[in-house]
C-alpha atoms as a PDB file:
ATOM      1  CA  MET A   1      -0.009  -0.058  -0.019  1.00  0.00           C
ATOM      2  CA  PHE A   2       1.307   3.471  -0.900  1.00  0.00           C
ATOM      3  CA  LEU A   3       0.345   4.932   2.511  1.00  0.00           C
ATOM      4  CA  THR A   4      -0.057   3.400   5.834  1.00  0.00           C
ATOM      5  CA  LYS A   5      -1.225   4.544   9.319  1.00  0.00           C
ATOM      6  CA  GLU A   6       2.382   4.546  10.463  1.00  0.00           C
ATOM      7  CA  ASP A   7       3.187   7.080   7.709  1.00  0.00           C
ATOM      8  CA  LEU A   8       0.828   9.494   9.195  1.00  0.00           C
ATOM      9  CA  GLY A   9       3.364  10.043  12.050  1.00  0.00           C
ATOM     10  CA  SER A  10       5.073  12.865   9.988  1.00  0.00           C
ATOM     11  CA  ALA A  11       2.082  14.973  10.249  1.00  0.00           C
ATOM     12  CA  ILE A  12      -0.196  13.810  13.171  1.00  0.00           C
ATOM     13  CA  TYR A  13       0.616  11.929  16.417  1.00  0.00           C
ATOM     14  CA  GLY A  14      -0.559   8.344  16.803  1.00  0.00           C
ATOM     15  CA  TYR A  15      -2.383   9.224  19.883  1.00  0.00           C
ATOM     16  CA  GLN A  16      -4.293  11.887  18.123  1.00  0.00           C
ATOM     17  CA  VAL A  17      -5.277   9.416  15.351  1.00  0.00           C
ATOM     18  CA  ASP A  18      -6.382   7.030  18.035  1.00  0.00           C
ATOM     19  CA  GLN A  19      -8.421   9.628  19.821  1.00  0.00           C
ATOM     20  CA  ILE A  20     -10.115  10.864  16.684  1.00  0.00           C
ATOM     21  CA  THR A  21     -10.963   7.515  15.310  1.00  0.00           C
ATOM     22  CA  GLU A  22     -11.473   5.852  18.766  1.00  0.00           C
ATOM     23  CA  GLY A  23      -9.076   3.237  17.682  1.00  0.00           C
ATOM     24  CA  ASN A  24     -11.114   2.304  14.608  1.00  0.00           C
ATOM     25  CA  ASP A  25      -8.517   1.605  12.035  1.00  0.00           C
ATOM     26  CA  ASP A  26     -11.263   1.487   9.362  1.00  0.00           C
ATOM     27  CA  LEU A  27     -11.730   5.169   9.551  1.00  0.00           C
ATOM     28  CA  VAL A  28      -7.954   5.601   9.118  1.00  0.00           C
ATOM     29  CA  LEU A  29      -8.139   3.315   5.959  1.00  0.00           C
ATOM     30  CA  GLN A  30     -11.125   5.341   4.676  1.00  0.00           C
ATOM     31  CA  ALA A  31      -9.271   8.663   5.134  1.00  0.00           C
ATOM     32  CA  ILE A  32      -6.284   7.164   3.365  1.00  0.00           C
ATOM     33  CA  GLY A  33      -8.467   5.971   0.497  1.00  0.00           C
ATOM     34  CA  ALA A  34     -10.260   9.248   0.011  1.00  0.00           C
ATOM     35  CA  ALA A  35      -6.796  11.026   0.041  1.00  0.00           C
ATOM     36  CA  ILE A  36      -5.321   8.852  -2.437  1.00  0.00           C
ATOM     37  CA  GLN A  37      -8.362   9.273  -4.626  1.00  0.00           C
ATOM     38  CA  GLU A  38      -8.186  13.093  -4.309  1.00  0.00           C
ATOM     39  CA  VAL A  39      -4.495  13.411  -4.981  1.00  0.00           C
ATOM     40  CA  GLY A  40      -4.653  10.960  -7.787  1.00  0.00           C
ATOM     41  CA  GLY A  41      -7.354  12.859  -9.373  1.00  0.00           C
ATOM     42  CA  TYR A  42      -5.112  16.053  -9.389  1.00  0.00           C
ATOM     43  CA  LEU A  43      -2.369  13.990 -11.016  1.00  0.00           C
ATOM     44  CA  SER A  44      -4.484  12.384 -13.568  1.00  0.00           C
ATOM     45  CA  GLY A  45      -5.754  15.538 -14.764  1.00  0.00           C
ATOM     46  CA  ALA A  46      -2.332  16.571 -15.910  1.00  0.00           C
ATOM     47  CA  SER A  47      -2.170  13.532 -18.096  1.00  0.00           C
ATOM     48  CA  LEU A  48       1.653  13.531 -17.230  1.00  0.00           C
ATOM     49  CA  TYR A  49       1.638  10.914 -14.554  1.00  0.00           C
ATOM     50  CA  ASP A  50       1.057   7.169 -14.315  1.00  0.00           C
ATOM     51  CA  VAL A  51      -1.220   7.390 -11.308  1.00  0.00           C
ATOM     52  CA  THR A  52      -1.532   3.743 -10.964  1.00  0.00           C
ATOM     53  CA  ALA A  53       2.226   3.231 -10.804  1.00  0.00           C
ATOM     54  CA  ILE A  54       2.636   6.083  -8.462  1.00  0.00           C
ATOM     55  CA  PHE A  55      -0.015   4.691  -5.853  1.00  0.00           C
ATOM     56  CA  THR A  56       1.287   1.096  -6.039  1.00  0.00           C
ATOM     57  CA  THR A  57       4.871   2.074  -5.266  1.00  0.00           C
ATOM     58  CA  THR A  58       5.892   1.347  -1.692  1.00  0.00           C
ATOM     59  CA  GLY A  59       8.759   1.989   0.820  1.00  0.00           C
ATOM     60  CA  VAL A  60      11.502   4.527  -0.247  1.00  0.00           C
ATOM     61  CA  GLN A  61      10.638   4.270  -3.812  1.00  0.00           C
ATOM     62  CA  ARG A  62       7.666   6.465  -3.219  1.00  0.00           C
ATOM     63  CA  ASN A  63       7.647  10.001  -4.408  1.00  0.00           C
ATOM     64  CA  ALA A  64       8.374  12.133  -1.248  1.00  0.00           C
ATOM     65  CA  LEU A  65       6.406  15.215  -2.295  1.00  0.00           C
ATOM     66  CA  ILE A  66       3.299  13.084  -3.443  1.00  0.00           C
ATOM     67  CA  LEU A  67       3.501  11.169  -0.228  1.00  0.00           C
ATOM     68  CA  THR A  68       3.858  14.284   1.967  1.00  0.00           C
ATOM     69  CA  HIS A  69       0.604  15.739   0.074  1.00  0.00           C
ATOM     70  CA  THR A  70      -1.209  12.648   0.427  1.00  0.00           C
ATOM     71  CA  ILE A  71      -0.426  12.409   4.087  1.00  0.00           C
ATOM     72  CA  THR A  72      -1.538  16.114   4.514  1.00  0.00           C
ATOM     73  CA  VAL A  73      -4.856  15.316   2.723  1.00  0.00           C
ATOM     74  CA  THR A  74      -5.358  12.191   4.808  1.00  0.00           C
ATOM     75  CA  LYS A  75      -4.716  14.143   8.002  1.00  0.00           C
ATOM     76  CA  TRP A  76      -7.440  16.668   6.714  1.00  0.00           C
ATOM     77  CA  TYR A  77      -9.980  13.878   6.387  1.00  0.00           C
ATOM     78  CA  LEU A  78      -9.154  12.671  10.018  1.00  0.00           C
ATOM     79  CA  VAL A  79      -9.283  16.204  11.388  1.00  0.00           C
ATOM     80  CA  GLU A  80     -12.830  16.498   9.896  1.00  0.00           C
ATOM     81  CA  LEU A  81     -13.836  13.908  12.280  1.00  0.00           C
ATOM     82  CA  CYS A  82     -12.878  15.765  15.352  1.00  0.00           C
ATOM     83  CA  ASN A  83     -10.603  18.447  16.548  1.00  0.00           C
ATOM     84  CA  ALA A  84      -8.808  16.480  19.372  1.00  0.00           C
ATOM     85  CA  ASP A  85      -5.766  18.552  20.326  1.00  0.00           C
ATOM     86  CA  ILE A  86      -5.014  19.578  16.871  1.00  0.00           C
ATOM     87  CA  ILE A  87      -4.421  23.098  15.529  1.00  0.00           C
ATOM     88  CA  TYR A  88      -7.237  23.116  13.002  1.00  0.00           C
ATOM     89  CA  GLU A  89      -6.169  26.318  11.260  1.00  0.00           C
ATOM     90  CA  GLN A  90      -2.697  24.860  10.651  1.00  0.00           C
ATOM     91  CA  ALA A  91      -4.174  21.513   9.323  1.00  0.00           C
ATOM     92  CA  LYS A  92      -6.564  23.698   7.080  1.00  0.00           C
ATOM     93  CA  GLU A  93      -3.809  25.901   5.844  1.00  0.00           C
ATOM     94  CA  ARG A  94      -1.702  23.024   4.715  1.00  0.00           C
ATOM     95  CA  TYR A  95      -4.744  21.274   3.114  1.00  0.00           C
ATOM     96  CA  ASP A  96      -5.577  24.518   1.291  1.00  0.00           C
ATOM     97  CA  ARG A  97      -1.990  24.698  -0.250  1.00  0.00           C
END
C-alpha cells in the first residue's frame, strides 16, 4: 500500500489518530483511501503521470512530495472527524495549499 497509518506520524501523532478514530482503523483506511483518490485525481488531470504506478509504489521508492501531500490530505480527512488536540487552522492551511 502506498500509504499506511504509520506514515501519518510525520503529520499527526498516533495518539491523536487514535483519539479521533476511537481506535477504529477502518476510519484511518477510509481517510487514506479518500486522500489517494483526491491526490490521484489532481495528478490524472495533468495526463503526465502514471497514477496507478505512483500509488502502487511502496517504501523508499515512493515520491516524497506526493507522499507528503497525500499524508496532509489524509490528516485533513481525519481532522474533519474531530478537533482533538490539533491546531485546526494549521491543518486547514496545509490542506488548502
